N, C-alpha and C. Protein backbone atom coordinates (compact mmCIF):
# COMPACT_ATOMS: atom_id res chain seq x y z
N MET A 1 0.91 -1.26 -0.07
CA MET A 1 0.18 -0.03 0.32
C MET A 1 0.76 1.23 0.08
N HIS A 2 0.36 2.36 -0.55
CA HIS A 2 1.17 3.59 -0.69
C HIS A 2 0.40 4.60 0.08
N HIS A 3 0.79 5.00 0.48
CA HIS A 3 0.40 5.79 1.29
C HIS A 3 1.42 7.65 0.94
N HIS A 4 0.23 8.70 0.39
CA HIS A 4 1.58 9.45 -0.11
C HIS A 4 1.16 10.64 1.57
N ASN A 5 1.79 12.03 1.26
CA ASN A 5 2.29 12.81 1.69
C ASN A 5 1.69 12.46 3.78
N ILE A 6 2.29 12.03 4.36
CA ILE A 6 2.41 11.18 5.90
C ILE A 6 3.54 12.10 6.48
N PRO A 7 2.99 13.08 7.54
CA PRO A 7 3.63 13.39 8.16
C PRO A 7 4.91 12.62 8.94
N LEU A 8 6.34 13.24 9.31
CA LEU A 8 7.26 12.68 9.89
C LEU A 8 7.95 12.86 10.57
N PHE A 9 8.16 11.93 11.90
CA PHE A 9 8.49 12.59 13.07
C PHE A 9 9.68 11.87 13.13
N PRO A 10 11.05 12.65 12.87
CA PRO A 10 12.52 11.90 12.68
C PRO A 10 12.64 11.90 14.83
N LEU A 11 13.08 9.92 15.39
CA LEU A 11 13.05 10.24 16.76
C LEU A 11 14.31 9.80 17.02
N SER A 12 14.99 10.48 18.15
CA SER A 12 15.73 9.24 18.78
C SER A 12 15.80 8.26 19.04
N ALA A 13 14.59 8.18 19.57
CA ALA A 13 14.15 6.62 20.21
C ALA A 13 13.54 5.85 18.72
N HIS A 14 13.26 4.51 19.12
CA HIS A 14 12.66 3.56 17.95
C HIS A 14 11.32 3.12 17.99
N LEU A 15 10.61 2.95 17.97
CA LEU A 15 9.43 2.22 17.72
C LEU A 15 9.31 1.57 16.28
N LEU A 16 8.82 0.34 16.51
CA LEU A 16 8.19 -0.93 15.20
C LEU A 16 7.29 -0.92 15.19
N PRO A 17 6.89 -2.46 14.82
CA PRO A 17 5.58 -2.52 14.83
C PRO A 17 5.16 -3.46 16.16
N GLY A 18 4.42 -3.24 16.24
CA GLY A 18 4.16 -3.47 17.81
C GLY A 18 4.02 -2.77 18.98
N GLY A 19 4.91 -2.12 18.34
CA GLY A 19 5.58 -1.26 20.09
C GLY A 19 4.38 0.06 20.10
N HIS A 20 4.46 0.28 21.66
CA HIS A 20 3.98 1.91 22.20
C HIS A 20 4.80 2.62 22.93
N MET A 21 4.67 3.81 22.82
CA MET A 21 5.46 4.88 23.35
C MET A 21 4.61 5.83 23.91
N ALA A 22 4.87 6.40 24.68
CA ALA A 22 4.31 7.82 25.22
C ALA A 22 5.80 8.97 24.56
N LEU A 23 4.80 9.34 23.97
CA LEU A 23 5.69 10.95 23.84
C LEU A 23 5.18 12.17 24.17
N ARG A 24 5.93 13.46 24.15
CA ARG A 24 5.52 14.73 24.47
C ARG A 24 6.06 15.60 23.51
N ILE A 25 4.75 15.73 23.43
CA ILE A 25 5.10 17.34 22.19
C ILE A 25 4.57 18.07 22.98
N PHE A 26 6.11 19.57 22.11
CA PHE A 26 6.33 20.34 22.12
C PHE A 26 6.31 21.34 20.85
N GLU A 27 7.11 20.54 19.94
CA GLU A 27 7.17 21.54 18.73
C GLU A 27 6.09 22.17 18.09
N PRO A 28 6.32 23.58 17.56
CA PRO A 28 4.98 23.68 17.03
C PRO A 28 4.14 22.65 15.62
N ARG A 29 5.30 22.47 15.06
CA ARG A 29 5.46 22.06 13.74
C ARG A 29 4.48 20.49 14.17
N TYR A 30 4.96 19.63 15.49
CA TYR A 30 4.55 18.89 16.08
C TYR A 30 2.86 18.89 15.94
N VAL A 31 3.02 19.49 16.95
CA VAL A 31 1.50 19.79 17.61
C VAL A 31 0.55 19.69 16.48
N ARG A 32 0.90 20.03 15.43
CA ARG A 32 0.15 20.78 14.01
C ARG A 32 0.07 19.49 13.65
N MET A 33 1.27 18.37 13.66
CA MET A 33 0.93 17.28 12.65
C MET A 33 0.56 16.05 14.31
N VAL A 34 -0.20 16.60 14.90
CA VAL A 34 -0.83 16.01 15.89
C VAL A 34 -2.49 16.05 16.07
N LYS A 35 -2.56 17.06 15.44
CA LYS A 35 -3.48 17.62 15.68
C LYS A 35 -4.66 17.01 14.41
N GLU A 36 -3.54 17.39 13.00
CA GLU A 36 -4.25 16.58 11.88
C GLU A 36 -4.42 14.80 11.46
N ALA A 37 -3.72 14.59 12.50
CA ALA A 37 -3.35 13.09 12.62
C ALA A 37 -5.22 12.66 13.26
N CYS A 38 -5.03 13.48 14.55
CA CYS A 38 -6.35 13.37 15.15
C CYS A 38 -7.78 13.10 14.40
N ALA A 39 -7.64 14.73 13.46
CA ALA A 39 -8.01 14.91 13.04
C ALA A 39 -8.84 14.23 11.50
N GLY A 40 -7.52 13.51 10.91
CA GLY A 40 -7.98 12.49 9.85
C GLY A 40 -7.73 11.50 10.49
N ASN A 41 -7.06 10.34 9.93
CA ASN A 41 -7.02 8.98 9.94
C ASN A 41 -6.23 8.10 11.31
N GLY A 42 -4.84 9.75 11.86
CA GLY A 42 -4.45 9.15 12.53
C GLY A 42 -3.08 8.98 12.82
N TYR A 43 -2.44 9.15 12.03
CA TYR A 43 -1.10 8.27 11.30
C TYR A 43 0.09 8.88 10.85
N PHE A 44 1.46 8.64 11.25
CA PHE A 44 2.09 9.43 11.28
C PHE A 44 3.10 8.63 11.32
N VAL A 45 4.55 8.96 10.82
CA VAL A 45 5.42 7.88 10.28
C VAL A 45 6.92 7.96 11.62
N LEU A 46 7.01 7.85 12.86
CA LEU A 46 8.20 7.91 13.06
C LEU A 46 9.23 7.05 12.34
N CYS A 47 10.59 8.25 12.50
CA CYS A 47 11.96 7.85 11.16
C CYS A 47 12.93 7.99 12.38
N MET A 48 13.79 6.84 11.83
CA MET A 48 15.27 7.16 12.44
C MET A 48 16.25 8.34 12.41
N LEU A 49 16.26 8.73 13.23
CA LEU A 49 17.85 9.40 13.04
C LEU A 49 19.15 9.54 12.27
N ASN A 50 19.24 9.77 11.03
CA ASN A 50 20.99 9.30 10.83
C ASN A 50 21.26 10.83 10.89
N SER A 51 22.99 10.76 11.87
CA SER A 51 23.14 11.34 12.82
C SER A 51 24.52 12.28 11.36
N ARG A 52 24.62 10.92 10.94
CA ARG A 52 25.62 11.77 9.94
C ARG A 52 25.02 12.87 8.43
N GLY A 53 23.60 12.23 8.61
CA GLY A 53 22.67 13.28 7.18
C GLY A 53 23.11 14.39 7.38
N ASP A 54 22.64 14.68 6.33
CA ASP A 54 21.99 16.31 5.95
C ASP A 54 20.87 16.91 6.39
N GLN A 55 20.10 17.45 7.29
CA GLN A 55 19.17 18.27 7.44
C GLN A 55 18.11 18.60 6.39
N ALA A 56 19.05 19.50 5.28
CA ALA A 56 18.71 20.62 4.85
C ALA A 56 18.12 20.01 3.58
N SER A 57 19.24 18.71 3.58
CA SER A 57 18.14 18.44 1.79
C SER A 57 17.45 16.76 2.90
N ASN A 58 16.81 16.63 3.95
CA ASN A 58 16.33 15.65 4.78
C ASN A 58 16.84 14.25 4.52
N GLU A 59 18.83 13.95 4.67
CA GLU A 59 19.06 12.88 4.89
C GLU A 59 19.35 12.88 5.73
N HIS A 60 19.20 13.07 7.39
CA HIS A 60 18.77 12.71 8.02
C HIS A 60 17.68 11.89 8.59
N ILE A 61 17.28 11.06 7.78
CA ILE A 61 16.03 10.69 8.37
C ILE A 61 16.46 9.53 7.23
N PHE A 62 16.55 8.03 7.66
CA PHE A 62 16.64 7.00 7.33
C PHE A 62 15.35 6.72 6.84
N PRO A 63 15.20 6.05 5.67
CA PRO A 63 14.56 5.25 4.24
C PRO A 63 13.98 4.45 5.08
N ILE A 64 13.86 3.58 5.77
CA ILE A 64 13.05 2.49 6.69
C ILE A 64 12.15 3.33 8.24
N GLY A 65 10.53 3.38 7.99
CA GLY A 65 10.48 4.13 8.99
C GLY A 65 8.90 3.13 9.79
N THR A 66 8.64 3.35 10.40
CA THR A 66 6.79 2.91 11.22
C THR A 66 6.23 4.06 11.23
N LEU A 67 5.16 3.88 11.02
CA LEU A 67 3.90 4.12 9.99
C LEU A 67 3.14 3.76 11.82
N CYS A 68 2.79 4.83 12.41
CA CYS A 68 1.99 5.17 14.25
C CYS A 68 0.59 5.21 13.90
N LYS A 69 0.46 4.82 14.69
CA LYS A 69 -1.49 5.66 15.32
C LYS A 69 -1.45 6.03 15.81
N ILE A 70 -1.90 6.80 16.45
CA ILE A 70 -1.80 7.52 17.52
C ILE A 70 -3.59 6.86 18.38
N VAL A 71 -2.76 6.48 19.72
CA VAL A 71 -4.69 5.49 20.94
C VAL A 71 -5.06 6.59 21.39
N ASP A 72 -3.77 7.26 21.89
CA ASP A 72 -4.58 7.80 23.23
C ASP A 72 -3.61 9.85 22.59
N PHE A 73 -4.54 10.34 23.61
CA PHE A 73 -4.27 12.02 23.36
C PHE A 73 -4.36 12.55 25.07
N ASP A 74 -3.34 13.65 25.18
CA ASP A 74 -4.21 14.35 26.74
C ASP A 74 -3.35 15.43 26.41
N LEU A 75 -3.78 15.76 27.09
CA LEU A 75 -2.75 17.59 27.61
C LEU A 75 -2.40 17.55 29.06
N LEU A 76 -0.64 17.37 29.04
CA LEU A 76 -0.07 17.39 30.60
C LEU A 76 -0.24 18.54 30.90
N ASP A 77 0.32 18.33 32.40
CA ASP A 77 -0.07 19.46 33.07
C ASP A 77 0.80 20.58 32.75
N ASP A 78 2.13 20.43 32.22
CA ASP A 78 3.09 21.71 32.02
C ASP A 78 2.72 22.14 31.11
N GLY A 79 1.20 21.91 29.59
CA GLY A 79 0.83 22.45 28.93
C GLY A 79 2.07 21.66 27.48
N LEU A 80 2.19 21.27 27.79
CA LEU A 80 2.28 19.87 26.78
C LEU A 80 1.54 18.86 25.94
N LEU A 81 1.60 18.36 24.95
CA LEU A 81 0.21 17.79 24.44
C LEU A 81 1.10 16.05 25.04
N GLY A 82 0.63 15.07 24.72
CA GLY A 82 1.30 13.56 25.52
C GLY A 82 0.24 12.92 24.41
N ILE A 83 1.40 12.15 23.94
CA ILE A 83 0.14 11.36 23.03
C ILE A 83 0.81 9.80 23.16
N ASN A 84 0.24 8.78 22.69
CA ASN A 84 0.66 6.81 23.01
C ASN A 84 0.28 6.70 21.25
N VAL A 85 0.56 6.15 20.84
CA VAL A 85 1.68 5.80 19.93
C VAL A 85 1.50 4.09 19.64
N GLU A 86 1.16 3.49 18.73
CA GLU A 86 1.68 2.22 18.26
C GLU A 86 2.19 1.91 16.78
N GLY A 87 2.71 0.82 16.76
CA GLY A 87 3.60 0.91 15.34
C GLY A 87 2.93 -0.24 14.56
N VAL A 88 2.61 0.01 12.91
CA VAL A 88 1.43 -0.22 12.24
C VAL A 88 2.33 -1.56 12.24
N CYS A 89 3.43 -0.80 10.96
CA CYS A 89 4.02 -1.79 10.29
C CYS A 89 5.54 -0.81 9.71
N CYS A 90 6.09 -1.33 9.06
CA CYS A 90 7.53 -0.81 8.52
C CYS A 90 6.84 -0.17 7.16
N VAL A 91 7.55 1.19 7.36
CA VAL A 91 7.37 1.91 6.02
C VAL A 91 8.59 2.15 4.84
N SER A 92 8.91 1.96 3.73
CA SER A 92 10.02 2.68 3.06
C SER A 92 9.44 4.29 3.33
N VAL A 93 10.31 5.43 3.17
CA VAL A 93 10.05 6.60 2.99
C VAL A 93 10.59 7.02 1.71
N GLY A 94 10.39 8.19 1.05
CA GLY A 94 10.89 8.85 0.13
C GLY A 94 10.13 9.89 -0.55
N ASN A 95 10.84 10.96 -1.01
CA ASN A 95 9.73 12.14 -1.45
C ASN A 95 9.76 13.27 -1.01
N ILE A 96 10.31 13.09 0.37
CA ILE A 96 10.65 13.69 1.45
C ILE A 96 10.48 14.92 1.14
N LYS A 97 9.80 16.04 1.23
CA LYS A 97 9.54 17.21 0.97
C LYS A 97 9.48 18.40 2.88
N THR A 98 10.06 19.19 2.38
CA THR A 98 9.47 20.17 3.78
C THR A 98 8.61 21.07 3.32
N GLU A 99 7.53 21.23 4.88
CA GLU A 99 6.46 21.77 4.80
C GLU A 99 7.06 23.30 5.66
N ALA A 100 6.16 24.33 5.46
CA ALA A 100 7.12 25.59 5.85
C ALA A 100 7.35 26.26 7.18
N ASP A 101 6.69 24.89 8.02
CA ASP A 101 7.15 25.03 9.68
C ASP A 101 7.81 24.40 9.65
N GLY A 102 8.59 23.43 8.53
CA GLY A 102 9.56 22.82 8.71
C GLY A 102 9.03 21.34 9.44
N LEU A 103 8.08 21.40 8.89
CA LEU A 103 7.01 19.65 9.30
C LEU A 103 7.05 19.39 8.42
N ARG A 104 8.32 17.64 8.30
CA ARG A 104 8.79 17.06 7.09
C ARG A 104 7.05 16.35 6.58
N ILE A 105 7.38 16.17 5.31
CA ILE A 105 6.27 15.03 5.08
C ILE A 105 6.40 14.22 3.53
N GLY A 106 6.25 12.73 3.56
CA GLY A 106 6.75 11.81 2.53
C GLY A 106 5.77 10.55 2.16
N ASP A 107 5.99 10.12 1.37
CA ASP A 107 5.19 9.32 0.46
C ASP A 107 6.34 7.92 0.77
N CYS A 108 4.88 6.98 1.38
CA CYS A 108 5.16 5.86 2.48
C CYS A 108 5.08 4.28 1.64
N THR A 109 5.62 3.42 1.90
CA THR A 109 5.69 2.29 1.26
C THR A 109 5.26 1.16 2.49
N GLU A 110 4.09 -0.02 2.40
CA GLU A 110 4.28 -0.76 3.44
C GLU A 110 5.00 -1.41 2.81
N GLN A 111 6.03 -1.67 3.95
CA GLN A 111 6.65 -3.36 3.46
C GLN A 111 5.91 -4.26 4.23
N HIS A 112 6.20 -5.51 3.03
CA HIS A 112 6.00 -6.74 3.61
C HIS A 112 6.63 -7.46 5.14
N ASP A 113 5.90 -8.61 5.23
CA ASP A 113 6.42 -8.72 7.08
C ASP A 113 7.42 -9.72 6.78
N TRP A 114 8.51 -10.17 7.71
CA TRP A 114 9.57 -11.13 7.04
C TRP A 114 8.64 -11.88 7.46
N SER A 115 9.34 -13.29 7.01
CA SER A 115 9.07 -14.56 6.67
C SER A 115 10.14 -15.69 7.10
N CYS A 116 9.99 -16.16 8.03
CA CYS A 116 11.16 -16.96 8.95
C CYS A 116 10.84 -17.62 9.83
N VAL A 117 11.41 -19.23 10.08
CA VAL A 117 11.55 -19.62 10.64
C VAL A 117 12.04 -19.40 12.37
N ILE A 118 11.11 -19.16 13.37
CA ILE A 118 12.19 -18.88 14.68
C ILE A 118 12.13 -19.88 15.49
N GLU A 119 13.14 -20.87 15.94
CA GLU A 119 13.75 -22.26 17.06
C GLU A 119 13.42 -21.31 17.98
N ASP A 120 12.18 -22.51 18.93
CA ASP A 120 12.58 -21.98 20.66
C ASP A 120 13.39 -21.43 21.38
N GLU A 121 14.79 -22.39 21.18
CA GLU A 121 15.64 -22.45 21.61
C GLU A 121 16.94 -21.01 21.64
N LYS A 122 16.40 -20.63 20.48
CA LYS A 122 16.79 -19.36 20.05
C LYS A 122 15.98 -17.59 20.93
N ILE A 123 14.72 -18.12 21.02
CA ILE A 123 13.70 -16.79 21.07
C ILE A 123 13.35 -16.84 22.79
N THR A 124 13.67 -18.44 23.65
CA THR A 124 13.25 -18.56 24.50
C THR A 124 13.95 -17.55 25.67
N PRO A 125 15.21 -17.60 25.50
CA PRO A 125 15.90 -17.04 26.38
C PRO A 125 15.72 -15.35 26.33
N LEU A 126 15.45 -14.84 24.95
CA LEU A 126 15.39 -13.47 25.28
C LEU A 126 13.92 -13.06 25.10
N ARG A 127 12.71 -14.03 25.30
CA ARG A 127 11.41 -13.78 26.03
C ARG A 127 11.55 -14.16 27.68
N ILE A 128 12.43 -14.50 28.10
CA ILE A 128 12.17 -14.75 28.89
C ILE A 128 13.06 -13.38 29.55
N LYS A 129 14.53 -13.03 29.05
CA LYS A 129 14.29 -11.89 29.81
C LYS A 129 14.02 -10.37 29.69
N LEU A 130 13.37 -10.48 28.30
CA LEU A 130 12.39 -9.83 27.98
C LEU A 130 11.15 -9.66 29.06
N GLU A 131 10.49 -10.35 29.50
CA GLU A 131 9.65 -10.53 30.32
C GLU A 131 9.90 -10.17 31.95
N LEU A 132 11.30 -10.20 31.99
CA LEU A 132 12.20 -9.31 33.62
C LEU A 132 11.97 -7.74 33.42
N ILE A 133 12.45 -7.51 31.84
CA ILE A 133 11.97 -6.34 32.07
C ILE A 133 10.98 -5.52 32.09
N TYR A 134 9.86 -6.45 30.85
CA TYR A 134 8.45 -5.51 31.76
C TYR A 134 7.93 -5.88 32.99
N ASP A 135 8.15 -6.62 33.60
CA ASP A 135 8.49 -6.08 35.38
C ASP A 135 8.93 -5.52 35.86
N LYS A 136 9.73 -5.64 35.54
CA LYS A 136 10.55 -4.40 36.04
C LYS A 136 10.28 -2.78 35.68
N TYR A 137 9.65 -2.50 34.73
CA TYR A 137 9.29 -1.18 34.08
C TYR A 137 7.87 -1.52 33.57
N PRO A 138 7.21 -1.61 35.23
CA PRO A 138 5.69 -1.63 34.80
C PRO A 138 5.14 -0.44 34.47
N GLU A 139 5.56 0.75 33.83
CA GLU A 139 5.14 1.94 33.36
C GLU A 139 5.40 1.83 31.88
N ILE A 140 6.55 1.00 31.11
CA ILE A 140 6.50 0.65 29.72
C ILE A 140 5.49 -0.61 29.72
N ALA A 141 5.27 -1.67 30.38
CA ALA A 141 4.37 -2.71 30.38
C ALA A 141 3.43 -1.90 29.75
N ARG A 142 2.58 -0.86 31.19
CA ARG A 142 1.25 -0.09 30.81
C ARG A 142 0.62 0.70 30.00
N LEU A 143 2.03 0.31 29.11
CA LEU A 143 1.42 1.47 27.53
C LEU A 143 0.71 0.30 26.51
N TYR A 144 0.65 -1.15 27.01
CA TYR A 144 1.02 -2.35 26.49
C TYR A 144 -0.78 -3.14 26.54
N PRO A 145 -1.43 -2.62 25.35
CA PRO A 145 -2.55 -2.73 25.77
C PRO A 145 -2.96 -5.05 26.24
N GLU A 146 -1.39 -5.55 24.96
CA GLU A 146 -1.05 -7.16 25.75
C GLU A 146 0.13 -7.27 25.72
N LEU A 147 0.48 -7.83 26.28
CA LEU A 147 2.28 -8.69 26.15
C LEU A 147 2.22 -9.78 24.91
N LYS A 148 2.66 -9.52 23.82
CA LYS A 148 2.74 -10.46 23.31
C LYS A 148 4.19 -11.36 23.27
N PHE A 149 4.73 -11.79 24.18
CA PHE A 149 5.97 -12.65 24.43
C PHE A 149 6.01 -14.05 23.86
N ASN A 150 4.94 -14.69 23.27
CA ASN A 150 3.97 -15.32 22.13
C ASN A 150 4.71 -15.89 20.94
N ASP A 151 4.97 -14.34 20.77
CA ASP A 151 5.17 -13.94 19.16
C ASP A 151 6.50 -13.17 19.18
N PRO A 152 7.15 -14.57 18.33
CA PRO A 152 8.65 -13.76 18.51
C PRO A 152 8.78 -12.92 17.11
N MET A 153 8.38 -12.43 16.33
CA MET A 153 8.64 -11.41 16.26
C MET A 153 8.13 -9.62 17.16
N TRP A 154 7.54 -10.28 18.09
CA TRP A 154 7.10 -9.04 18.61
C TRP A 154 8.96 -8.98 19.78
N VAL A 155 8.65 -9.80 19.99
CA VAL A 155 9.95 -9.98 21.29
C VAL A 155 11.02 -9.69 20.22
N ILE A 156 11.38 -10.26 18.67
CA ILE A 156 12.60 -9.40 18.17
C ILE A 156 12.34 -7.60 18.12
N TYR A 157 11.40 -6.92 17.31
CA TYR A 157 10.90 -5.96 17.34
C TYR A 157 11.47 -5.14 18.91
N ARG A 158 10.85 -5.50 19.84
CA ARG A 158 10.95 -4.74 20.94
C ARG A 158 12.13 -5.02 21.68
N TRP A 159 13.60 -5.81 21.45
CA TRP A 159 14.40 -6.48 21.46
C TRP A 159 15.20 -4.83 21.15
N LEU A 160 15.41 -5.22 19.42
CA LEU A 160 15.89 -4.24 17.91
C LEU A 160 15.17 -2.99 19.11
N GLU A 161 14.06 -2.29 19.50
CA GLU A 161 13.67 -0.74 19.69
C GLU A 161 14.43 -0.71 21.43
N LEU A 162 14.51 -1.84 22.32
CA LEU A 162 15.47 -1.43 23.38
C LEU A 162 16.65 -0.92 23.01
N LEU A 163 17.66 -2.23 22.20
CA LEU A 163 18.87 -2.37 22.61
C LEU A 163 20.02 -0.55 22.24
N PRO A 164 20.51 -0.16 23.07
CA PRO A 164 21.39 0.89 22.70
C PRO A 164 22.24 0.53 21.26
N VAL A 165 21.91 -0.15 19.95
CA VAL A 165 22.48 0.13 18.51
C VAL A 165 22.20 1.65 17.66
N ASP A 166 23.38 1.21 17.06
CA ASP A 166 23.29 2.65 15.91
C ASP A 166 21.71 2.27 15.47
N ALA A 167 21.49 3.43 14.32
CA ALA A 167 20.07 3.26 14.01
C ALA A 167 20.51 2.66 12.47
N ALA A 168 21.55 2.78 12.23
CA ALA A 168 22.42 2.56 10.65
C ALA A 168 22.01 0.92 11.00
N ASN A 169 22.77 0.52 11.79
CA ASN A 169 22.75 -1.30 12.09
C ASN A 169 21.37 -1.85 12.03
N LYS A 170 20.33 -0.62 12.86
CA LYS A 170 18.55 -1.54 13.02
C LYS A 170 18.42 -1.15 12.08
N GLN A 171 18.81 -0.25 10.72
CA GLN A 171 18.24 -0.24 9.05
C GLN A 171 18.16 -0.88 8.55
N ALA A 172 19.51 -1.50 8.73
CA ALA A 172 20.57 -2.91 7.77
C ALA A 172 19.51 -4.33 8.76
N PHE A 173 19.66 -4.41 9.34
CA PHE A 173 18.61 -5.89 10.58
C PHE A 173 16.90 -5.42 9.35
N LEU A 174 16.53 -4.01 9.46
CA LEU A 174 15.52 -4.14 8.90
C LEU A 174 14.76 -4.38 7.33
N GLY A 175 15.73 -3.97 6.57
CA GLY A 175 16.24 -4.44 5.67
C GLY A 175 15.89 -5.58 5.30
N GLU A 176 17.19 -6.00 5.32
CA GLU A 176 17.66 -7.66 5.37
C GLU A 176 16.50 -8.75 5.22
N LYS A 177 15.87 -8.71 6.65
CA LYS A 177 14.49 -9.97 7.00
C LYS A 177 15.33 -10.63 7.67
N ASN A 178 16.20 -10.91 8.14
CA ASN A 178 16.69 -12.39 8.40
C ASN A 178 16.96 -12.60 9.88
N CYS A 179 16.05 -13.53 9.86
CA CYS A 179 16.09 -13.92 11.20
C CYS A 179 17.10 -14.41 11.71
N ASP A 180 18.05 -15.09 11.16
CA ASP A 180 19.31 -15.36 11.85
C ASP A 180 19.80 -14.78 12.05
N ASN A 181 20.09 -13.71 10.81
CA ASN A 181 21.34 -12.71 12.01
C ASN A 181 20.41 -11.41 12.92
N VAL A 182 19.84 -11.34 12.69
CA VAL A 182 19.02 -10.69 14.30
C VAL A 182 19.28 -11.00 15.73
N LEU A 183 18.89 -12.87 15.09
CA LEU A 183 18.41 -13.35 16.44
C LEU A 183 20.20 -13.22 17.31
N ASN A 184 20.93 -13.43 16.04
CA ASN A 184 22.20 -14.15 16.70
C ASN A 184 23.02 -13.26 17.59
N TYR A 185 22.46 -12.10 16.62
CA TYR A 185 23.25 -9.88 17.05
C TYR A 185 22.57 -9.90 18.28
N ILE A 186 20.85 -9.85 18.66
CA ILE A 186 20.81 -9.91 20.06
C ILE A 186 21.19 -10.28 20.68
N SER A 187 20.96 -11.88 20.15
CA SER A 187 21.58 -13.01 21.47
C SER A 187 23.14 -12.76 21.83
N GLU A 188 23.83 -12.12 21.64
CA GLU A 188 25.10 -11.49 21.73
C GLU A 188 25.03 -10.75 23.13
N LEU A 189 23.91 -9.41 22.60
CA LEU A 189 24.80 -8.33 22.79
C LEU A 189 23.56 -8.82 24.66
N VAL A 190 22.49 -9.55 24.14
CA VAL A 190 21.68 -9.59 25.73
C VAL A 190 22.24 -10.81 26.87
N ARG A 191 23.18 -11.78 25.75
CA ARG A 191 24.03 -12.20 27.05
C ARG A 191 24.74 -11.60 27.87
């Protein structure tokens, strides 16, 4: 599926499909983005930042982003806008334009899901450690309507979000969709 002129929100934190995140919005261009999204279909794309890319030519936005849906919003005590978002699917972002207030918009094409067989013995230790993390941080767990520890891809995506790994590396894994490579990588880091 193609989506044209979807607003882009580059962020240093990462959100992938099935992920939930609470965001505080204060820049006017992103307040506008949220208002328009809530008035429309509720979507925007969370993008990963390329620290080496030039902002003027929009090369600071990596090509694989996550289409997000706003699931909740409210005004916070400090007057900022608080939103909860859910990652829907990965998209390829292209044809980026900058609007007058600095908001970027792009054309987004949905990427197909990974298709791979994931062995129990590889995913089990990762699932158990992830369960411990959500136990320890109930404020993160509370963002989720359900924690899908039995879904291997859900577990992989959560680890990719959590790990303090360079965005370029995460882009490579999302692009190649090779479960063995990403599982080996995560397992090494988590051990």
